[in-house]
PDB file of N, CA and C in Angstrom:
ATOM      1  N   MET A   1     -47.966 -58.366  50.550  1.00  0.00           N
ATOM      2  CA  MET A   1     -49.033 -57.369  50.520  1.00  0.00           C
ATOM      3  C   MET A   1     -48.468 -55.969  50.635  1.00  0.00           C
ATOM      4  N   ALA A   2     -47.541 -55.776  51.552  1.00  0.00           N
ATOM      5  CA  ALA A   2     -46.991 -54.438  51.763  1.00  0.00           C
ATOM      6  C   ALA A   2     -46.199 -53.971  50.547  1.00  0.00           C
ATOM      7  N   VAL A   3     -45.516 -54.907  49.900  1.00  0.00           N
ATOM      8  CA  VAL A   3     -44.710 -54.536  48.738  1.00  0.00           C
ATOM      9  C   VAL A   3     -45.612 -54.068  47.600  1.00  0.00           C
ATOM     10  N   GLU A   4     -46.694 -54.797  47.382  1.00  0.00           N
ATOM     11  CA  GLU A   4     -47.601 -54.415  46.294  1.00  0.00           C
ATOM     12  C   GLU A   4     -48.216 -53.047  46.536  1.00  0.00           C
ATOM     13  N   SER A   5     -48.601 -52.783  47.781  1.00  0.00           N
ATOM     14  CA  SER A   5     -49.199 -51.476  48.066  1.00  0.00           C
ATOM     15  C   SER A   5     -48.169 -50.364  47.920  1.00  0.00           C
ATOM     16  N   MET A   6     -46.914 -50.645  48.285  1.00  0.00           N
ATOM     17  CA  MET A   6     -45.857 -49.641  48.130  1.00  0.00           C
ATOM     18  C   MET A   6     -45.610 -49.354  46.653  1.00  0.00           C
ATOM     19  N   VAL A   7     -45.587 -50.413  45.843  1.00  0.00           N
ATOM     20  CA  VAL A   7     -45.397 -50.233  44.402  1.00  0.00           C
ATOM     21  C   VAL A   7     -46.535 -49.409  43.825  1.00  0.00           C
ATOM     22  N   LYS A   8     -47.758 -49.721  44.235  1.00  0.00           N
ATOM     23  CA  LYS A   8     -48.927 -48.984  43.750  1.00  0.00           C
ATOM     24  C   LYS A   8     -48.825 -47.506  44.132  1.00  0.00           C
ATOM     25  N   LYS A   9     -48.405 -47.265  45.380  1.00  0.00           N
ATOM     26  CA  LYS A   9     -48.272 -45.885  45.868  1.00  0.00           C
ATOM     27  C   LYS A   9     -47.226 -45.125  45.060  1.00  0.00           C
ATOM     28  N   LEU A  10     -46.071 -45.755  44.822  1.00  0.00           N
ATOM     29  CA  LEU A  10     -45.006 -45.082  44.075  1.00  0.00           C
ATOM     30  C   LEU A  10     -45.433 -44.795  42.639  1.00  0.00           C
ATOM     31  N   LYS A  11     -46.136 -45.746  42.022  1.00  0.00           N
ATOM     32  CA  LYS A  11     -46.624 -45.516  40.656  1.00  0.00           C
ATOM     33  C   LYS A  11     -47.613 -44.364  40.614  1.00  0.00           C
ATOM     34  N   ARG A  12     -48.492 -44.306  41.628  1.00  0.00           N
ATOM     35  CA  ARG A  12     -49.475 -43.226  41.684  1.00  0.00           C
ATOM     36  C   ARG A  12     -48.779 -41.879  41.864  1.00  0.00           C
ATOM     37  N   GLN A  13     -47.758 -41.834  42.735  1.00  0.00           N
ATOM     38  CA  GLN A  13     -47.021 -40.585  42.937  1.00  0.00           C
ATOM     39  C   GLN A  13     -46.319 -40.150  41.656  1.00  0.00           C
ATOM     40  N   ALA A  14     -45.725 -41.112  40.938  1.00  0.00           N
ATOM     41  CA  ALA A  14     -45.038 -40.788  39.693  1.00  0.00           C
ATOM     42  C   ALA A  14     -46.024 -40.256  38.662  1.00  0.00           C
ATOM     43  N   ALA A  15     -47.207 -40.863  38.591  1.00  0.00           N
ATOM     44  CA  ALA A  15     -48.222 -40.395  37.645  1.00  0.00           C
ATOM     45  C   ALA A  15     -48.668 -38.986  37.992  1.00  0.00           C
ATOM     46  N   LYS A  16     -48.802 -38.692  39.288  1.00  0.00           N
ATOM     47  CA  LYS A  16     -49.182 -37.341  39.694  1.00  0.00           C
ATOM     48  C   LYS A  16     -48.130 -36.328  39.264  1.00  0.00           C
ATOM     49  N   ARG A  17     -46.852 -36.692  39.449  1.00  0.00           N
ATOM     50  CA  ARG A  17     -45.779 -35.777  39.047  1.00  0.00           C
ATOM     51  C   ARG A  17     -45.804 -35.519  37.548  1.00  0.00           C
ATOM     52  N   VAL A  18     -46.024 -36.577  36.772  1.00  0.00           N
ATOM     53  CA  VAL A  18     -46.088 -36.423  35.320  1.00  0.00           C
ATOM     54  C   VAL A  18     -47.234 -35.499  34.945  1.00  0.00           C
ATOM     55  N   ASN A  19     -48.389 -35.694  35.564  1.00  0.00           N
ATOM     56  CA  ASN A  19     -49.539 -34.846  35.253  1.00  0.00           C
ATOM     57  C   ASN A  19     -49.291 -33.401  35.653  1.00  0.00           C
ATOM     58  N   GLN A  20     -48.612 -33.186  36.776  1.00  0.00           N
ATOM     59  CA  GLN A  20     -48.307 -31.817  37.189  1.00  0.00           C
ATOM     60  C   GLN A  20     -47.408 -31.136  36.171  1.00  0.00           C
ATOM     61  N   ARG A  21     -46.435 -31.899  35.640  1.00  0.00           N
ATOM     62  CA  ARG A  21     -45.526 -31.308  34.658  1.00  0.00           C
ATOM     63  C   ARG A  21     -46.245 -30.985  33.359  1.00  0.00           C
ATOM     64  N   LEU A  22     -47.222 -31.822  33.007  1.00  0.00           N
ATOM     65  CA  LEU A  22     -47.928 -31.614  31.747  1.00  0.00           C
ATOM     66  C   LEU A  22     -48.861 -30.417  31.803  1.00  0.00           C
ATOM     67  N   LYS A  23     -49.410 -30.140  32.986  1.00  0.00           N
ATOM     68  CA  LYS A  23     -50.346 -29.026  33.106  1.00  0.00           C
ATOM     69  C   LYS A  23     -49.604 -27.705  32.981  1.00  0.00           C
ATOM     70  N   GLN A  24     -50.068 -26.862  32.113  1.00  0.00           N
ATOM     71  CA  GLN A  24     -49.467 -25.542  31.956  1.00  0.00           C
ATOM     72  C   GLN A  24     -50.087 -24.581  32.959  1.00  0.00           C
ATOM     73  N   PRO A  25     -49.311 -23.700  33.541  1.00  0.00           N
ATOM     74  CA  PRO A  25     -49.900 -22.718  34.455  1.00  0.00           C
ATOM     75  C   PRO A  25     -50.825 -21.777  33.701  1.00  0.00           C
ATOM     76  N   LYS A  26     -51.944 -21.450  34.308  1.00  0.00           N
ATOM     77  CA  LYS A  26     -52.928 -20.611  33.627  1.00  0.00           C
ATOM     78  C   LYS A  26     -52.438 -19.181  33.479  1.00  0.00           C
ATOM     79  N   HIS A  27     -51.991 -18.599  34.579  1.00  0.00           N
ATOM     80  CA  HIS A  27     -51.516 -17.220  34.540  1.00  0.00           C
ATOM     81  C   HIS A  27     -50.191 -17.163  35.269  1.00  0.00           C
ATOM     82  N   SER A  28     -49.124 -17.409  34.550  1.00  0.00           N
ATOM     83  CA  SER A  28     -47.824 -17.375  35.207  1.00  0.00           C
ATOM     84  C   SER A  28     -47.234 -15.977  35.055  1.00  0.00           C
ATOM     85  N   VAL A  29     -47.046 -15.319  36.151  1.00  0.00           N
ATOM     86  CA  VAL A  29     -46.447 -13.990  36.143  1.00  0.00           C
ATOM     87  C   VAL A  29     -45.012 -14.146  36.631  1.00  0.00           C
ATOM     88  N   PRO A  30     -44.036 -13.816  35.806  1.00  0.00           N
ATOM     89  CA  PRO A  30     -42.655 -14.000  36.250  1.00  0.00           C
ATOM     90  C   PRO A  30     -42.286 -13.016  37.348  1.00  0.00           C
ATOM     91  N   HIS A  31     -41.781 -13.547  38.442  1.00  0.00           N
ATOM     92  CA  HIS A  31     -41.307 -12.704  39.533  1.00  0.00           C
ATOM     93  C   HIS A  31     -39.793 -12.738  39.511  1.00  0.00           C
ATOM     94  N   ARG A  32     -39.200 -11.573  39.675  1.00  0.00           N
ATOM     95  CA  ARG A  32     -37.745 -11.568  39.717  1.00  0.00           C
ATOM     96  C   ARG A  32     -37.254 -12.213  40.997  1.00  0.00           C
ATOM     97  N   TYR A  33     -37.960 -12.010  42.084  1.00  0.00           N
ATOM     98  CA  TYR A  33     -37.576 -12.624  43.348  1.00  0.00           C
ATOM     99  C   TYR A  33     -38.839 -13.008  44.104  1.00  0.00           C
ATOM    100  N   PRO A  34     -39.279 -14.260  43.984  1.00  0.00           N
ATOM    101  CA  PRO A  34     -40.590 -14.627  44.495  1.00  0.00           C
ATOM    102  C   PRO A  34     -40.679 -14.817  46.000  1.00  0.00           C
ATOM    103  N   PHE A  35     -39.547 -14.820  46.711  1.00  0.00           N
ATOM    104  CA  PHE A  35     -39.593 -15.124  48.141  1.00  0.00           C
ATOM    105  C   PHE A  35     -39.974 -13.885  48.931  1.00  0.00           C
ATOM    106  N   LYS A  36     -41.120 -13.937  49.595  1.00  0.00           N
ATOM    107  CA  LYS A  36     -41.580 -12.803  50.389  1.00  0.00           C
ATOM    108  C   LYS A  36     -41.437 -13.077  51.871  1.00  0.00           C
ATOM    109  N   TYR A  37     -41.197 -14.336  52.223  1.00  0.00           N
ATOM    110  CA  TYR A  37     -41.092 -14.724  53.624  1.00  0.00           C
ATOM    111  C   TYR A  37     -39.858 -15.591  53.812  1.00  0.00           C
ATOM    112  N   ARG A  38     -39.435 -15.710  55.062  1.00  0.00           N
ATOM    113  CA  ARG A  38     -38.397 -16.680  55.393  1.00  0.00           C
ATOM    114  C   ARG A  38     -38.850 -17.438  56.625  1.00  0.00           C
ATOM    115  N   GLN A  39     -38.338 -18.643  56.755  1.00  0.00           N
ATOM    116  CA  GLN A  39     -38.763 -19.508  57.848  1.00  0.00           C
ATOM    117  C   GLN A  39     -37.794 -19.365  59.015  1.00  0.00           C
ATOM    118  N   THR A  40     -38.318 -19.111  60.201  1.00  0.00           N
ATOM    119  CA  THR A  40     -37.497 -19.028  61.403  1.00  0.00           C
ATOM    120  C   THR A  40     -38.107 -19.918  62.474  1.00  0.00           C
ATOM    121  N   SER A  41     -37.487 -19.915  63.639  1.00  0.00           N
ATOM    122  CA  SER A  41     -38.039 -20.712  64.739  1.00  0.00           C
ATOM    123  C   SER A  41     -39.387 -20.154  65.187  1.00  0.00           C
ATOM    124  N   ARG A  42     -39.621 -18.858  64.927  1.00  0.00           N
ATOM    125  CA  ARG A  42     -40.910 -18.247  65.283  1.00  0.00           C
ATOM    126  C   ARG A  42     -41.978 -18.513  64.234  1.00  0.00           C
ATOM    127  N   GLY A  43     -41.576 -19.058  63.108  1.00  0.00           N
ATOM    128  CA  GLY A  43     -42.513 -19.283  62.013  1.00  0.00           C
ATOM    129  C   GLY A  43     -42.117 -18.432  60.820  1.00  0.00           C
ATOM    130  N   ARG A  44     -43.067 -18.161  59.948  1.00  0.00           N
ATOM    131  CA  ARG A  44     -42.777 -17.352  58.762  1.00  0.00           C
ATOM    132  C   ARG A  44     -42.745 -15.884  59.134  1.00  0.00           C
ATOM    133  N   VAL A  45     -41.686 -15.209  58.732  1.00  0.00           N
ATOM    134  CA  VAL A  45     -41.584 -13.773  58.972  1.00  0.00           C
ATOM    135  C   VAL A  45     -41.311 -13.097  57.636  1.00  0.00           C
ATOM    136  N   PRO A  46     -41.720 -11.839  57.472  1.00  0.00           N
ATOM    137  CA  PRO A  46     -41.463 -11.138  56.212  1.00  0.00           C
ATOM    138  C   PRO A  46     -39.967 -11.042  55.935  1.00  0.00           C
ATOM    139  N   LEU A  47     -39.637 -11.145  54.669  1.00  0.00           N
ATOM    140  CA  LEU A  47     -38.249 -11.117  54.234  1.00  0.00           C
ATOM    141  C   LEU A  47     -37.726  -9.686  54.261  1.00  0.00           C
ATOM    142  N   THR A  48     -36.587  -9.478  54.888  1.00  0.00           N
ATOM    143  CA  THR A  48     -35.965  -8.153  54.890  1.00  0.00           C
ATOM    144  C   THR A  48     -34.999  -8.059  53.718  1.00  0.00           C
ATOM    145  N   ASP A  49     -34.542  -6.844  53.427  1.00  0.00           N
ATOM    146  CA  ASP A  49     -33.606  -6.656  52.322  1.00  0.00           C
ATOM    147  C   ASP A  49     -32.309  -7.421  52.556  1.00  0.00           C
ATOM    148  N   GLU A  50     -31.839  -7.437  53.809  1.00  0.00           N
ATOM    149  CA  GLU A  50     -30.596  -8.151  54.109  1.00  0.00           C
ATOM    150  C   GLU A  50     -30.759  -9.652  53.867  1.00  0.00           C
ATOM    151  N   ASP A  51     -31.919 -10.175  54.256  1.00  0.00           N
ATOM    152  CA  ASP A  51     -32.170 -11.602  54.036  1.00  0.00           C
ATOM    153  C   ASP A  51     -32.196 -11.910  52.539  1.00  0.00           C
ATOM    154  N   ALA A  52     -32.853 -11.041  51.786  1.00  0.00           N
ATOM    155  CA  ALA A  52     -32.953 -11.263  50.345  1.00  0.00           C
ATOM    156  C   ALA A  52     -31.572 -11.225  49.709  1.00  0.00           C
ATOM    157  N   LEU A  53     -30.752 -10.261  50.115  1.00  0.00           N
ATOM    158  CA  LEU A  53     -29.395 -10.180  49.572  1.00  0.00           C
ATOM    159  C   LEU A  53     -28.601 -11.431  49.897  1.00  0.00           C
ATOM    160  N   ALA A  54     -28.700 -11.879  51.144  1.00  0.00           N
ATOM    161  CA  ALA A  54     -27.978 -13.082  51.543  1.00  0.00           C
ATOM    162  C   ALA A  54     -28.439 -14.286  50.729  1.00  0.00           C
ATOM    163  N   MET A  55     -29.746 -14.382  50.501  1.00  0.00           N
ATOM    164  CA  MET A  55     -30.273 -15.511  49.747  1.00  0.00           C
ATOM    165  C   MET A  55     -29.802 -15.458  48.296  1.00  0.00           C
ATOM    166  N   ILE A  56     -29.809 -14.265  47.707  1.00  0.00           N
ATOM    167  CA  ILE A  56     -29.362 -14.125  46.318  1.00  0.00           C
ATOM    168  C   ILE A  56     -27.879 -14.455  46.203  1.00  0.00           C
ATOM    169  N   ARG A  57     -27.079 -13.984  47.155  1.00  0.00           N
ATOM    170  CA  ARG A  57     -25.638 -14.288  47.136  1.00  0.00           C
ATOM    171  C   ARG A  57     -25.401 -15.784  47.280  1.00  0.00           C
ATOM    172  N   TRP A  58     -26.146 -16.417  48.170  1.00  0.00           N
ATOM    173  CA  TRP A  58     -25.981 -17.845  48.379  1.00  0.00           C
ATOM    174  C   TRP A  58     -26.317 -18.613  47.105  1.00  0.00           C
ATOM    175  N   ARG A  59     -27.399 -18.206  46.434  1.00  0.00           N
ATOM    176  CA  ARG A  59     -27.778 -18.871  45.181  1.00  0.00           C
ATOM    177  C   ARG A  59     -26.719 -18.672  44.104  1.00  0.00           C
ATOM    178  N   ALA A  60     -26.180 -17.448  44.017  1.00  0.00           N
ATOM    179  CA  ALA A  60     -25.148 -17.178  43.017  1.00  0.00           C
ATOM    180  C   ALA A  60     -23.906 -18.025  43.289  1.00  0.00           C
ATOM    181  N   ALA A  61     -23.523 -18.146  44.558  1.00  0.00           N
ATOM    182  CA  ALA A  61     -22.357 -18.958  44.907  1.00  0.00           C
ATOM    183  C   ALA A  61     -22.609 -20.425  44.571  1.00  0.00           C
ATOM    184  N   ARG A  62     -23.811 -20.900  44.853  1.00  0.00           N
ATOM    185  CA  ARG A  62     -24.145 -22.292  44.548  1.00  0.00           C
ATOM    186  C   ARG A  62     -24.100 -22.528  43.043  1.00  0.00           C
ATOM    187  N   ARG A  63     -24.623 -21.567  42.277  1.00  0.00           N
ATOM    188  CA  ARG A  63     -24.607 -21.684  40.819  1.00  0.00           C
ATOM    189  C   ARG A  63     -23.174 -21.712  40.302  1.00  0.00           C
ATOM    190  N   ALA A  64     -22.305 -20.856  40.880  1.00  0.00           N
ATOM    191  CA  ALA A  64     -20.904 -20.816  40.460  1.00  0.00           C
ATOM    192  C   ALA A  64     -20.207 -22.138  40.774  1.00  0.00           C
ATOM    193  N   ARG A  65     -20.465 -22.688  41.961  1.00  0.00           N
ATOM    194  CA  ARG A  65     -19.860 -23.980  42.314  1.00  0.00           C
ATOM    195  C   ARG A  65     -20.327 -25.073  41.364  1.00  0.00           C
ATOM    196  N   LYS A  66     -21.584 -25.023  40.994  1.00  0.00           N
ATOM    197  CA  LYS A  66     -22.134 -26.042  40.100  1.00  0.00           C
ATOM    198  C   LYS A  66     -21.478 -25.956  38.720  1.00  0.00           C
ATOM    199  N   THR A  67     -21.318 -24.737  38.198  1.00  0.00           N
ATOM    200  CA  THR A  67     -20.692 -24.596  36.881  1.00  0.00           C
ATOM    201  C   THR A  67     -19.227 -25.009  36.924  1.00  0.00           C
ATOM    202  N   GLN A  68     -18.536 -24.714  38.038  1.00  0.00           N
ATOM    203  CA  GLN A  68     -17.142 -25.143  38.162  1.00  0.00           C
ATOM    204  C   GLN A  68     -17.044 -26.662  38.177  1.00  0.00           C
ATOM    205  N   ALA A  69     -17.950 -27.304  38.882  1.00  0.00           N
ATOM    206  CA  ALA A  69     -17.942 -28.767  38.943  1.00  0.00           C
ATOM    207  C   ALA A  69     -18.210 -29.357  37.562  1.00  0.00           C
ATOM    208  N   GLU A  70     -19.094 -28.734  36.795  1.00  0.00           N
ATOM    209  CA  GLU A  70     -19.393 -29.230  35.448  1.00  0.00           C
ATOM    210  C   GLU A  70     -18.211 -29.027  34.520  1.00  0.00           C
ATOM    211  N   GLN A  71     -17.476 -27.929  34.689  1.00  0.00           N
ATOM    212  CA  GLN A  71     -16.318 -27.669  33.838  1.00  0.00           C
ATOM    213  C   GLN A  71     -15.188 -28.649  34.119  1.00  0.00           C
ATOM    214  N   LYS A  72     -15.053 -29.085  35.378  1.00  0.00           N
ATOM    215  CA  LYS A  72     -13.998 -30.036  35.733  1.00  0.00           C
ATOM    216  C   LYS A  72     -14.251 -31.399  35.111  1.00  0.00           C
ATOM    217  N   VAL A  73     -15.523 -31.749  34.942  1.00  0.00           N
ATOM    218  CA  VAL A  73     -15.860 -33.080  34.402  1.00  0.00           C
ATOM    219  C   VAL A  73     -15.780 -33.080  32.911  1.00  0.00           C
TER     220      VAL A  73
END
């Protein structure tokens, strides 16, 4: 019984994901940097310029590592 319900749940989740991908956003406005908040132990706090810079640098480094890994393969 538990296996069948788990299978049903996973199929339903997969169908939801497919439907989400198929739906086009109605009004998508491209943001250059969409993060306005950051999560801390106090909760969500407004993003400062230093935080944004750190986040952008971290993303750039991650992207560079990913491209290097792809080039090695």
